[in-house]
Amino acid sequence: MDDEKPITDQAMETITTAVEATKEAAVIAVKKVRKAAKKVAKKVAPKKASKKKAKKTSKKAAKKTSKKAAKKSSKKAAKKAAKKATKSKKKAKKAKR
């Protein structure tokens, strides 16, 4: 990070990058979960009537798991961003000495 930029700007940059990474991770997680749910639905419910139910339940499960994954990844990203910000502050202080 640049020493010329104010710390608030640096922090905002790290937060925005963390948020973008979180979004990408959530989208990937949702795709994976949906794929897995479809596979399970195919194996479990080969009948037409139960297929509709399986689709609904798999969608619900996918939503739940994607929400959980998004929450986890956002928490992790926020923690990482906070750690990076504190590290950069320490480095800047050392560099000034």
Protein backbone atom coordinates (compact mmCIF):
# COMPACT_ATOMS: atom_id res chain seq x y z
CA MET A 1 0.00 0.00 0.00
CA ASP A 2 1.09 3.56 -0.65
CA ASP A 3 2.40 5.73 2.16
CA GLU A 4 1.13 8.89 0.40
CA LYS A 5 -2.50 7.79 0.65
CA PRO A 6 -4.37 8.41 3.90
CA ILE A 7 -5.04 5.37 6.05
CA THR A 8 -8.80 5.74 5.59
CA ASP A 9 -8.44 5.47 1.82
CA GLN A 10 -6.20 2.44 2.19
CA ALA A 11 -8.72 0.81 4.53
CA MET A 12 -11.57 1.52 2.13
CA GLU A 13 -9.61 -0.05 -0.73
CA THR A 14 -8.93 -3.21 1.25
CA ILE A 15 -12.57 -3.44 2.32
CA THR A 16 -13.86 -3.03 -1.25
CA THR A 17 -11.49 -5.70 -2.55
CA ALA A 18 -12.58 -8.00 0.28
CA VAL A 19 -16.24 -7.41 -0.57
CA GLU A 20 -15.62 -8.16 -4.26
CA ALA A 21 -13.79 -11.36 -3.37
CA THR A 22 -16.65 -12.33 -1.07
CA LYS A 23 -19.21 -11.81 -3.83
CA GLU A 24 -17.22 -14.00 -6.20
CA ALA A 25 -16.81 -16.70 -3.57
CA ALA A 26 -20.54 -16.65 -2.81
CA VAL A 27 -21.45 -17.00 -6.49
CA ILE A 28 -19.06 -19.92 -6.91
CA ALA A 29 -20.40 -21.58 -3.75
CA VAL A 30 -23.99 -21.24 -4.98
CA LYS A 31 -23.11 -22.78 -8.34
CA LYS A 32 -21.36 -25.72 -6.69
CA VAL A 33 -24.20 -26.30 -4.25
CA ARG A 34 -26.82 -26.21 -7.02
CA LYS A 35 -24.83 -28.69 -9.09
CA ALA A 36 -24.50 -31.04 -6.12
CA ALA A 37 -28.17 -30.65 -5.25
CA LYS A 38 -29.18 -31.55 -8.80
CA LYS A 39 -27.02 -34.68 -8.70
CA VAL A 40 -28.56 -35.73 -5.40
CA ALA A 41 -32.08 -34.99 -6.65
CA LYS A 42 -31.50 -37.15 -9.72
CA LYS A 43 -30.26 -40.08 -7.64
CA VAL A 44 -32.86 -39.83 -4.91
CA ALA A 45 -36.02 -38.98 -6.87
CA PRO A 46 -36.33 -40.52 -10.33
CA LYS A 47 -40.16 -40.29 -10.34
CA LYS A 48 -41.92 -37.26 -11.88
CA ALA A 49 -44.06 -36.34 -8.88
CA SER A 50 -41.21 -36.53 -6.45
CA LYS A 51 -38.92 -34.75 -8.91
CA LYS A 52 -40.79 -31.48 -8.42
CA LYS A 53 -40.55 -31.81 -4.66
CA ALA A 54 -36.89 -32.70 -4.90
CA LYS A 55 -36.27 -29.64 -7.05
CA LYS A 56 -37.97 -27.41 -4.49
CA THR A 57 -36.12 -28.91 -1.57
CA SER A 58 -32.82 -28.80 -3.41
CA LYS A 59 -33.41 -25.13 -4.21
CA LYS A 60 -34.19 -24.42 -0.56
CA ALA A 61 -31.12 -26.32 0.55
CA ALA A 62 -29.01 -24.47 -2.01
CA LYS A 63 -30.31 -21.15 -0.74
CA LYS A 64 -29.56 -22.06 2.87
CA THR A 65 -26.07 -23.32 2.17
CA SER A 66 -25.27 -20.39 -0.09
CA LYS A 67 -26.37 -17.97 2.63
CA LYS A 68 -24.18 -19.77 5.15
CA ALA A 69 -21.24 -19.80 2.75
CA ALA A 70 -21.68 -16.11 1.99
CA LYS A 71 -21.80 -15.28 5.69
CA LYS A 72 -18.68 -17.29 6.42
CA SER A 73 -16.71 -15.92 3.51
CA SER A 74 -17.71 -12.33 4.29
CA LYS A 75 -16.62 -12.76 7.91
CA LYS A 76 -13.31 -14.24 6.80
CA ALA A 77 -12.75 -11.50 4.24
CA ALA A 78 -13.50 -8.81 6.80
CA LYS A 79 -11.06 -10.37 9.25
CA LYS A 80 -8.37 -10.61 6.58
CA ALA A 81 -8.91 -7.00 5.55
CA ALA A 82 -8.64 -5.85 9.16
CA LYS A 83 -5.44 -7.84 9.63
CA LYS A 84 -3.94 -6.40 6.45
CA ALA A 85 -4.80 -2.87 7.51
CA THR A 86 -3.15 -3.29 10.91
CA LYS A 87 -0.07 -4.88 9.35
CA SER A 88 0.29 -2.04 6.87
CA LYS A 89 -0.03 0.49 9.69
CA LYS A 90 2.75 -1.24 11.61
CA LYS A 91 4.95 -1.35 8.53
CA ALA A 92 4.35 2.35 7.89
CA LYS A 93 5.30 3.20 11.47
CA LYS A 94 8.49 1.15 11.19
CA ALA A 95 9.36 2.76 7.88
CA LYS A 96 8.99 6.24 9.39
CA ARG A 97 11.57 5.40 12.10
